[in-house]
Amino acid sequence: CSLSDMASIEEVQRSWKSLSEAVGVGSEGKQPIVPVTYMNSTADIKSFCGKEGGIICTSSNASRTFDWAFAKGERILFLPDEHLGRNTALKYGIAPEQIVVWDPEKPGGGEDPEDYRDAKVILWRGYCPVHQKFTVRDVEHVRRFNPKAKLLVHPEVPHEVAKLADAMGSTEFIRQYVKNETSPGDEIFIATEWNLVRNLAAQYPDRKIEKLHRSLCLTMYQITLGRLLYALENLETFETVSVSPETKHYSRVALERMLALK
């Protein structure tokens, strides 16, 4: 997954040390920073969040993880998707000036230490290459030539695109929206991975369901029924993927915190 590759455990640990020095200790017994990682991250990053008092989220429950994190701490470090983090934070009611970016390739993250101290949400500089491709120009084109169309976007798109949409939500949200909130004859443009759009168009042929922009995940595209069958028939020939007991333990801690959310 190209998105999960945006944050390595070595980068995150170095950044955590620098951020902790920048923001200092928490007040009133609160954690100074609570790490929240998107499900599209490595086992090492999930384990890091579990060990440092953090949690895992999906695009469906990101707002609920914000509730959990702010009850526990003063700030959130959101990994590894900057756009999902910003869209969630703004929807949650965080002021734009309280949202800053940590760029692991820049000294000190790229901002002054006081900016991180004043922040409520610190976003890791990372993105999904599929959703990064959607632009304001794409939206303007649809609005001009298909003025009656509904625009649905996944929260991994840049905020300037998200704020122009009719609705924003996870893959399941998009499916349910098309099912329950649209009618035969409606036009719907969707900003997410192309195969979901294609599948929905096939499922609802009485509606005009189009991609906002052709954006294909080449990694997911390699997962075919033929390759799945080959893997199942030849399991004994493949190298086993394993993680350390510590990584397994703390990843489970972070995951169970998410699963316990109401």
C-alpha atoms as a PDB file:
ATOM      1  CA  CYS A   1       0.000   0.000   0.000  1.00  0.00           C
ATOM      2  CA  SER A   2       1.562   3.273  -1.121  1.00  0.00           C
ATOM      3  CA  LEU A   3      -0.183   5.156   1.688  1.00  0.00           C
ATOM      4  CA  SER A   4       1.171   2.903   4.432  1.00  0.00           C
ATOM      5  CA  ASP A   5       4.653   3.359   2.954  1.00  0.00           C
ATOM      6  CA  MET A   6       4.386   7.097   3.681  1.00  0.00           C
ATOM      7  CA  ALA A   7       5.346   6.521   7.339  1.00  0.00           C
ATOM      8  CA  SER A   8       8.154   4.227   8.475  1.00  0.00           C
ATOM      9  CA  ILE A   9       8.615   3.315  12.127  1.00  0.00           C
ATOM     10  CA  GLU A  10      12.080   4.909  12.141  1.00  0.00           C
ATOM     11  CA  GLU A  11      10.692   8.240  10.883  1.00  0.00           C
ATOM     12  CA  VAL A  12       7.794   8.150  13.324  1.00  0.00           C
ATOM     13  CA  GLN A  13       9.981   7.388  16.337  1.00  0.00           C
ATOM     14  CA  ARG A  14      12.350  10.256  15.471  1.00  0.00           C
ATOM     15  CA  SER A  15       9.413  12.592  14.931  1.00  0.00           C
ATOM     16  CA  TRP A  16       7.759  11.493  18.189  1.00  0.00           C
ATOM     17  CA  LYS A  17      10.900  12.376  20.107  1.00  0.00           C
ATOM     18  CA  SER A  18      11.116  15.819  18.485  1.00  0.00           C
ATOM     19  CA  LEU A  19       7.406  16.504  18.917  1.00  0.00           C
ATOM     20  CA  SER A  20       7.490  15.473  22.561  1.00  0.00           C
ATOM     21  CA  GLU A  21      10.330  17.917  23.176  1.00  0.00           C
ATOM     22  CA  ALA A  22       8.462  20.664  21.291  1.00  0.00           C
ATOM     23  CA  VAL A  23       5.121  20.371  23.110  1.00  0.00           C
ATOM     24  CA  GLY A  24       6.371  19.481  26.597  1.00  0.00           C
ATOM     25  CA  VAL A  25       4.313  17.721  29.260  1.00  0.00           C
ATOM     26  CA  GLY A  26       0.536  17.504  29.357  1.00  0.00           C
ATOM     27  CA  SER A  27      -1.630  19.430  31.788  1.00  0.00           C
ATOM     28  CA  GLU A  28      -4.188  18.108  34.265  1.00  0.00           C
ATOM     29  CA  GLY A  29      -2.912  14.587  33.907  1.00  0.00           C
ATOM     30  CA  LYS A  30      -3.541  14.468  30.159  1.00  0.00           C
ATOM     31  CA  GLN A  31      -1.239  12.961  27.570  1.00  0.00           C
ATOM     32  CA  PRO A  32       0.498  15.725  25.591  1.00  0.00           C
ATOM     33  CA  ILE A  33       0.039  13.868  22.285  1.00  0.00           C
ATOM     34  CA  VAL A  34      -2.153  10.878  21.412  1.00  0.00           C
ATOM     35  CA  PRO A  35      -1.136   9.019  18.234  1.00  0.00           C
ATOM     36  CA  VAL A  36      -3.964   7.920  15.940  1.00  0.00           C
ATOM     37  CA  THR A  37      -3.142   5.803  12.910  1.00  0.00           C
ATOM     38  CA  TYR A  38      -5.318   4.985   9.956  1.00  0.00           C
ATOM     39  CA  MET A  39      -5.881   1.303   9.269  1.00  0.00           C
ATOM     40  CA  ASN A  40      -3.774   1.712   6.103  1.00  0.00           C
ATOM     41  CA  SER A  41      -0.493   1.636   8.027  1.00  0.00           C
ATOM     42  CA  THR A  42       2.175  -0.903   8.845  1.00  0.00           C
ATOM     43  CA  ALA A  43       2.069  -3.273  11.812  1.00  0.00           C
ATOM     44  CA  ASP A  44       5.007  -1.343  13.301  1.00  0.00           C
ATOM     45  CA  ILE A  45       3.026   1.924  13.257  1.00  0.00           C
ATOM     46  CA  LYS A  46      -0.044   0.256  14.746  1.00  0.00           C
ATOM     47  CA  SER A  47       2.160  -1.192  17.463  1.00  0.00           C
ATOM     48  CA  PHE A  48       3.728   2.215  18.099  1.00  0.00           C
ATOM     49  CA  CYS A  49       0.268   3.707  18.645  1.00  0.00           C
ATOM     50  CA  GLY A  50      -0.679   0.927  21.020  1.00  0.00           C
ATOM     51  CA  LYS A  51       2.502   1.356  23.028  1.00  0.00           C
ATOM     52  CA  GLU A  52       2.237   5.169  23.202  1.00  0.00           C
ATOM     53  CA  GLY A  53      -1.375   5.247  24.378  1.00  0.00           C
ATOM     54  CA  GLY A  54      -2.922   5.651  20.945  1.00  0.00           C
ATOM     55  CA  ILE A  55      -5.490   4.000  18.724  1.00  0.00           C
ATOM     56  CA  ILE A  56      -6.279   2.792  15.194  1.00  0.00           C
ATOM     57  CA  CYS A  57      -9.073   4.275  13.083  1.00  0.00           C
ATOM     58  CA  THR A  58     -10.891   3.651   9.830  1.00  0.00           C
ATOM     59  CA  SER A  59     -12.433   6.255   7.554  1.00  0.00           C
ATOM     60  CA  SER A  60     -15.809   5.301   9.065  1.00  0.00           C
ATOM     61  CA  ASN A  61     -14.959   5.824  12.731  1.00  0.00           C
ATOM     62  CA  ALA A  62     -12.259   8.523  12.610  1.00  0.00           C
ATOM     63  CA  SER A  63     -14.500  11.062  14.377  1.00  0.00           C
ATOM     64  CA  ARG A  64     -15.152   8.616  17.217  1.00  0.00           C
ATOM     65  CA  THR A  65     -11.430   8.061  17.649  1.00  0.00           C
ATOM     66  CA  PHE A  66     -11.050  11.841  17.930  1.00  0.00           C
ATOM     67  CA  ASP A  67     -13.577  11.779  20.811  1.00  0.00           C
ATOM     68  CA  TRP A  68     -11.544   9.045  22.485  1.00  0.00           C
ATOM     69  CA  ALA A  69      -8.193  10.762  21.911  1.00  0.00           C
ATOM     70  CA  PHE A  70      -9.264  14.214  23.138  1.00  0.00           C
ATOM     71  CA  ALA A  71     -10.749  12.685  26.284  1.00  0.00           C
ATOM     72  CA  LYS A  72      -7.296  11.278  26.958  1.00  0.00           C
ATOM     73  CA  GLY A  73      -4.912  13.899  25.629  1.00  0.00           C
ATOM     74  CA  GLU A  74      -4.362  17.458  24.455  1.00  0.00           C
ATOM     75  CA  ARG A  75      -3.328  16.840  20.848  1.00  0.00           C
ATOM     76  CA  ILE A  76      -3.583  14.208  18.165  1.00  0.00           C
ATOM     77  CA  LEU A  77      -0.772  13.053  15.907  1.00  0.00           C
ATOM     78  CA  PHE A  78      -2.630  11.620  12.912  1.00  0.00           C
ATOM     79  CA  LEU A  79      -0.812   9.044  10.754  1.00  0.00           C
ATOM     80  CA  PRO A  80      -0.172   8.542   7.877  1.00  0.00           C
ATOM     81  CA  ASP A  81      -2.854  10.281   5.744  1.00  0.00           C
ATOM     82  CA  GLU A  82      -2.779  14.066   5.944  1.00  0.00           C
ATOM     83  CA  HIS A  83      -6.018  14.485   3.980  1.00  0.00           C
ATOM     84  CA  LEU A  84      -8.115  12.076   6.035  1.00  0.00           C
ATOM     85  CA  GLY A  85      -6.760  13.713   9.174  1.00  0.00           C
ATOM     86  CA  ARG A  86      -7.534  17.256   7.999  1.00  0.00           C
ATOM     87  CA  ASN A  87     -10.996  16.413   6.672  1.00  0.00           C
ATOM     88  CA  THR A  88     -11.851  14.625   9.914  1.00  0.00           C
ATOM     89  CA  ALA A  89     -10.468  17.425  12.095  1.00  0.00           C
ATOM     90  CA  LEU A  90     -12.353  20.167  10.245  1.00  0.00           C
ATOM     91  CA  LYS A  91     -15.582  18.171  10.277  1.00  0.00           C
ATOM     92  CA  TYR A  92     -15.000  17.591  13.992  1.00  0.00           C
ATOM     93  CA  GLY A  93     -14.872  21.353  14.548  1.00  0.00           C
ATOM     94  CA  ILE A  94     -11.146  21.938  14.949  1.00  0.00           C
ATOM     95  CA  ALA A  95     -10.178  25.431  13.745  1.00  0.00           C
ATOM     96  CA  PRO A  96      -7.885  25.448  10.680  1.00  0.00           C
ATOM     97  CA  GLU A  97      -5.220  27.396  12.588  1.00  0.00           C
ATOM     98  CA  GLN A  98      -5.075  24.580  15.159  1.00  0.00           C
ATOM     99  CA  ILE A  99      -4.161  22.028  12.481  1.00  0.00           C
ATOM    100  CA  VAL A 100      -0.497  21.775  11.482  1.00  0.00           C
ATOM    101  CA  VAL A 101       1.568  19.388   9.385  1.00  0.00           C
ATOM    102  CA  TRP A 102       4.640  17.440  10.435  1.00  0.00           C
ATOM    103  CA  ASP A 103       6.872  16.768   7.449  1.00  0.00           C
ATOM    104  CA  PRO A 104       9.443  14.087   8.376  1.00  0.00           C
ATOM    105  CA  GLU A 105      11.734  15.269   5.589  1.00  0.00           C
ATOM    106  CA  LYS A 106      12.093  18.777   7.032  1.00  0.00           C
ATOM    107  CA  PRO A 107      14.092  19.812  10.110  1.00  0.00           C
ATOM    108  CA  GLY A 108      11.781  20.030  13.110  1.00  0.00           C
ATOM    109  CA  GLY A 109       8.850  18.940  10.961  1.00  0.00           C
ATOM    110  CA  GLY A 110       8.870  22.174   8.983  1.00  0.00           C
ATOM    111  CA  GLU A 111       7.065  24.404  11.511  1.00  0.00           C
ATOM    112  CA  ASP A 112       8.099  26.367  14.592  1.00  0.00           C
ATOM    113  CA  PRO A 113       7.899  24.474  17.922  1.00  0.00           C
ATOM    114  CA  GLU A 114       5.207  26.869  19.211  1.00  0.00           C
ATOM    115  CA  ASP A 115       2.986  25.930  16.257  1.00  0.00           C
ATOM    116  CA  TYR A 116       3.021  22.323  17.440  1.00  0.00           C
ATOM    117  CA  ARG A 117       2.425  23.414  21.036  1.00  0.00           C
ATOM    118  CA  ASP A 118      -0.617  25.443  19.965  1.00  0.00           C
ATOM    119  CA  ALA A 119      -2.014  22.730  17.693  1.00  0.00           C
ATOM    120  CA  LYS A 120      -4.903  20.409  18.429  1.00  0.00           C
ATOM    121  CA  VAL A 121      -4.174  18.107  15.475  1.00  0.00           C
ATOM    122  CA  ILE A 122      -0.746  17.379  14.006  1.00  0.00           C
ATOM    123  CA  LEU A 123      -0.951  15.762  10.573  1.00  0.00           C
ATOM    124  CA  TRP A 124       1.712  13.477   9.200  1.00  0.00           C
ATOM    125  CA  ARG A 125       2.751  14.482   5.681  1.00  0.00           C
ATOM    126  CA  GLY A 126       1.380  11.521   3.745  1.00  0.00           C
ATOM    127  CA  TYR A 127      -1.329  10.721   1.231  1.00  0.00           C
ATOM    128  CA  CYS A 128      -2.993   8.039  -0.874  1.00  0.00           C
ATOM    129  CA  PRO A 129      -1.716   8.499  -4.459  1.00  0.00           C
ATOM    130  CA  VAL A 130      -5.112   7.396  -5.781  1.00  0.00           C
ATOM    131  CA  HIS A 131      -7.124  10.042  -3.913  1.00  0.00           C
ATOM    132  CA  GLN A 132      -4.441  12.716  -4.266  1.00  0.00           C
ATOM    133  CA  LYS A 133      -5.209  12.886  -7.992  1.00  0.00           C
ATOM    134  CA  PHE A 134      -8.656  14.454  -7.588  1.00  0.00           C
ATOM    135  CA  THR A 135      -8.615  18.213  -8.140  1.00  0.00           C
ATOM    136  CA  VAL A 136     -10.832  21.279  -7.903  1.00  0.00           C
ATOM    137  CA  ARG A 137     -10.667  21.464 -11.696  1.00  0.00           C
ATOM    138  CA  ASP A 138     -12.290  18.014 -11.889  1.00  0.00           C
ATOM    139  CA  VAL A 139     -15.135  19.258  -9.687  1.00  0.00           C
ATOM    140  CA  GLU A 140     -15.557  22.467 -11.687  1.00  0.00           C
ATOM    141  CA  HIS A 141     -15.799  20.439 -14.884  1.00  0.00           C
ATOM    142  CA  VAL A 142     -18.616  18.306 -13.453  1.00  0.00           C
ATOM    143  CA  ARG A 143     -20.471  21.310 -12.039  1.00  0.00           C
ATOM    144  CA  ARG A 144     -20.311  23.028 -15.411  1.00  0.00           C
ATOM    145  CA  PHE A 145     -21.372  20.161 -17.666  1.00  0.00           C
ATOM    146  CA  ASN A 146     -23.463  18.085 -15.220  1.00  0.00           C
ATOM    147  CA  PRO A 147     -25.045  20.699 -12.935  1.00  0.00           C
ATOM    148  CA  LYS A 148     -27.660  18.292 -11.529  1.00  0.00           C
ATOM    149  CA  ALA A 149     -25.133  15.587 -10.599  1.00  0.00           C
ATOM    150  CA  LYS A 150     -24.357  14.603  -7.019  1.00  0.00           C
ATOM    151  CA  LEU A 151     -20.684  14.484  -6.057  1.00  0.00           C
ATOM    152  CA  LEU A 152     -19.536  11.947  -3.475  1.00  0.00           C
ATOM    153  CA  VAL A 153     -15.958  11.888  -2.192  1.00  0.00           C
ATOM    154  CA  HIS A 154     -13.862   9.678   0.045  1.00  0.00           C
ATOM    155  CA  PRO A 155     -12.212  11.562   2.964  1.00  0.00           C
ATOM    156  CA  GLU A 156      -8.745  10.711   1.638  1.00  0.00           C
ATOM    157  CA  VAL A 157      -9.183  13.404  -1.056  1.00  0.00           C
ATOM    158  CA  PRO A 158      -7.593  16.847  -0.532  1.00  0.00           C
ATOM    159  CA  HIS A 159      -9.745  19.212   1.518  1.00  0.00           C
ATOM    160  CA  GLU A 160     -10.177  21.718  -1.305  1.00  0.00           C
ATOM    161  CA  VAL A 161     -11.976  18.928  -3.209  1.00  0.00           C
ATOM    162  CA  ALA A 162     -13.866  17.580  -0.193  1.00  0.00           C
ATOM    163  CA  LYS A 163     -15.417  20.932   0.682  1.00  0.00           C
ATOM    164  CA  LEU A 164     -17.014  21.147  -2.782  1.00  0.00           C
ATOM    165  CA  ALA A 165     -18.707  17.751  -2.530  1.00  0.00           C
ATOM    166  CA  ASP A 166     -22.345  17.009  -1.784  1.00  0.00           C
ATOM    167  CA  ALA A 167     -21.339  14.266   0.636  1.00  0.00           C
ATOM    168  CA  MET A 168     -18.132  12.774   2.016  1.00  0.00           C
ATOM    169  CA  GLY A 169     -17.602   9.421   3.660  1.00  0.00           C
ATOM    170  CA  SER A 170     -16.012   5.990   3.693  1.00  0.00           C
ATOM    171  CA  THR A 171     -16.374   3.338   1.031  1.00  0.00           C
ATOM    172  CA  GLU A 172     -19.355   1.868   2.887  1.00  0.00           C
ATOM    173  CA  PHE A 173     -20.859   5.337   3.280  1.00  0.00           C
ATOM    174  CA  ILE A 174     -20.619   5.848  -0.487  1.00  0.00           C
ATOM    175  CA  ARG A 175     -22.265   2.488  -1.146  1.00  0.00           C
ATOM    176  CA  GLN A 176     -25.116   3.242   1.247  1.00  0.00           C
ATOM    177  CA  TYR A 177     -25.551   6.762  -0.123  1.00  0.00           C
ATOM    178  CA  VAL A 178     -25.966   5.487  -3.657  1.00  0.00           C
ATOM    179  CA  LYS A 179     -28.378   2.803  -2.432  1.00  0.00           C
ATOM    180  CA  ASN A 180     -30.547   4.967  -0.160  1.00  0.00           C
ATOM    181  CA  GLU A 181     -30.120   8.603  -1.233  1.00  0.00           C
ATOM    182  CA  THR A 182     -30.280   8.378  -5.027  1.00  0.00           C
ATOM    183  CA  SER A 183     -33.005   7.353  -7.469  1.00  0.00           C
ATOM    184  CA  PRO A 184     -33.220   5.941 -10.985  1.00  0.00           C
ATOM    185  CA  GLY A 185     -32.113   8.543 -13.488  1.00  0.00           C
ATOM    186  CA  ASP A 186     -29.825  10.376 -11.049  1.00  0.00           C
ATOM    187  CA  GLU A 187     -26.291  11.370 -12.010  1.00  0.00           C
ATOM    188  CA  ILE A 188     -23.617  10.598  -9.424  1.00  0.00           C
ATOM    189  CA  PHE A 189     -19.906  11.355  -9.737  1.00  0.00           C
ATOM    190  CA  ILE A 190     -17.638   9.627  -7.232  1.00  0.00           C
ATOM    191  CA  ALA A 191     -14.105  10.541  -6.168  1.00  0.00           C
ATOM    192  CA  THR A 192     -12.505   7.324  -5.032  1.00  0.00           C
ATOM    193  CA  GLU A 193     -10.726   4.272  -6.439  1.00  0.00           C
ATOM    194  CA  TRP A 194     -12.057   3.518  -9.903  1.00  0.00           C
ATOM    195  CA  ASN A 195     -13.056  -0.105  -9.317  1.00  0.00           C
ATOM    196  CA  LEU A 196     -15.602   0.868  -6.638  1.00  0.00           C
ATOM    197  CA  VAL A 197     -17.168   3.323  -9.086  1.00  0.00           C
ATOM    198  CA  ARG A 198     -17.271   0.683 -11.811  1.00  0.00           C
ATOM    199  CA  ASN A 199     -18.866  -1.869  -9.482  1.00  0.00           C
ATOM    200  CA  LEU A 200     -21.539   0.583  -8.335  1.00  0.00           C
ATOM    201  CA  ALA A 201     -22.307   1.505 -11.941  1.00  0.00           C
ATOM    202  CA  ALA A 202     -22.828  -2.179 -12.718  1.00  0.00           C
ATOM    203  CA  GLN A 203     -24.986  -2.637  -9.605  1.00  0.00           C
ATOM    204  CA  TYR A 204     -27.223   0.350 -10.413  1.00  0.00           C
ATOM    205  CA  PRO A 205     -27.538   0.494 -14.212  1.00  0.00           C
ATOM    206  CA  ASP A 206     -30.612   2.726 -13.886  1.00  0.00           C
ATOM    207  CA  ARG A 207     -28.391   5.557 -12.616  1.00  0.00           C
ATOM    208  CA  LYS A 208     -25.546   7.392 -14.298  1.00  0.00           C
ATOM    209  CA  ILE A 209     -22.615   6.654 -11.997  1.00  0.00           C
ATOM    210  CA  GLU A 210     -19.321   8.117 -13.157  1.00  0.00           C
ATOM    211  CA  LYS A 211     -15.792   8.566 -11.853  1.00  0.00           C
ATOM    212  CA  LEU A 212     -14.720  12.110 -11.039  1.00  0.00           C
ATOM    213  CA  HIS A 213     -11.321  11.205 -12.465  1.00  0.00           C
ATOM    214  CA  ARG A 214      -9.904   7.836 -13.498  1.00  0.00           C
ATOM    215  CA  SER A 215      -7.781   6.934 -10.494  1.00  0.00           C
ATOM    216  CA  LEU A 216      -6.730   3.320 -10.278  1.00  0.00           C
ATOM    217  CA  CYS A 217      -4.894   1.680  -7.366  1.00  0.00           C
ATOM    218  CA  LEU A 218      -2.250  -0.384  -9.132  1.00  0.00           C
ATOM    219  CA  THR A 219      -1.521  -2.343  -5.945  1.00  0.00           C
ATOM    220  CA  MET A 220      -5.120  -3.488  -5.481  1.00  0.00           C
ATOM    221  CA  TYR A 221      -5.383  -4.090  -9.216  1.00  0.00           C
ATOM    222  CA  GLN A 222      -2.824  -6.876  -8.866  1.00  0.00           C
ATOM    223  CA  ILE A 223      -5.197  -8.819  -6.602  1.00  0.00           C
ATOM    224  CA  THR A 224      -7.114 -11.012  -9.010  1.00  0.00           C
ATOM    225  CA  LEU A 225      -9.160 -14.187  -8.586  1.00  0.00           C
ATOM    226  CA  GLY A 226      -6.526 -16.081 -10.527  1.00  0.00           C
ATOM    227  CA  ARG A 227      -3.705 -14.961  -8.255  1.00  0.00           C
ATOM    228  CA  LEU A 228      -5.818 -15.658  -5.171  1.00  0.00           C
ATOM    229  CA  LEU A 229      -6.486 -19.190  -6.400  1.00  0.00           C
ATOM    230  CA  TYR A 230      -2.790 -19.701  -7.136  1.00  0.00           C
ATOM    231  CA  ALA A 231      -1.861 -18.518  -3.652  1.00  0.00           C
ATOM    232  CA  LEU A 232      -4.382 -20.810  -1.965  1.00  0.00           C
ATOM    233  CA  GLU A 233      -3.193 -23.804  -3.970  1.00  0.00           C
ATOM    234  CA  ASN A 234       0.477 -23.102  -3.265  1.00  0.00           C
ATOM    235  CA  LEU A 235       0.544 -21.790   0.301  1.00  0.00           C
ATOM    236  CA  GLU A 236       3.430 -24.041   1.291  1.00  0.00           C
ATOM    237  CA  THR A 237       5.710 -22.450  -1.314  1.00  0.00           C
ATOM    238  CA  PHE A 238       5.438 -18.890   0.004  1.00  0.00           C
ATOM    239  CA  GLU A 239       7.547 -17.216   2.649  1.00  0.00           C
ATOM    240  CA  THR A 240       5.624 -16.695   5.882  1.00  0.00           C
ATOM    241  CA  VAL A 241       5.088 -13.100   6.972  1.00  0.00           C
ATOM    242  CA  SER A 242       5.569 -12.717  10.720  1.00  0.00           C
ATOM    243  CA  VAL A 243       5.913  -9.942  13.274  1.00  0.00           C
ATOM    244  CA  SER A 244       7.571  -9.896  16.672  1.00  0.00           C
ATOM    245  CA  PRO A 245       5.544 -10.763  19.795  1.00  0.00           C
ATOM    246  CA  GLU A 246       5.857  -7.141  20.982  1.00  0.00           C
ATOM    247  CA  THR A 247       4.589  -5.741  17.684  1.00  0.00           C
ATOM    248  CA  LYS A 248       1.717  -8.216  17.729  1.00  0.00           C
ATOM    249  CA  HIS A 249       0.821  -7.346  21.331  1.00  0.00           C
ATOM    250  CA  TYR A 250       0.741  -3.561  20.998  1.00  0.00           C
ATOM    251  CA  SER A 251      -0.954  -3.653  17.586  1.00  0.00           C
ATOM    252  CA  ARG A 252      -3.718  -5.676  19.228  1.00  0.00           C
ATOM    253  CA  VAL A 253      -3.881  -3.131  22.070  1.00  0.00           C
ATOM    254  CA  ALA A 254      -4.459  -0.290  19.587  1.00  0.00           C
ATOM    255  CA  LEU A 255      -6.966  -2.334  17.607  1.00  0.00           C
ATOM    256  CA  GLU A 256      -8.949  -3.378  20.669  1.00  0.00           C
ATOM    257  CA  ARG A 257      -9.193   0.261  21.766  1.00  0.00           C
ATOM    258  CA  MET A 258     -10.830   1.006  18.430  1.00  0.00           C
ATOM    259  CA  LEU A 259     -13.148  -1.999  18.582  1.00  0.00           C
ATOM    260  CA  ALA A 260     -14.305  -0.929  22.059  1.00  0.00           C
ATOM    261  CA  LEU A 261     -15.573   2.432  20.754  1.00  0.00           C
ATOM    262  CA  LYS A 262     -19.338   2.943  20.954  1.00  0.00           C
END
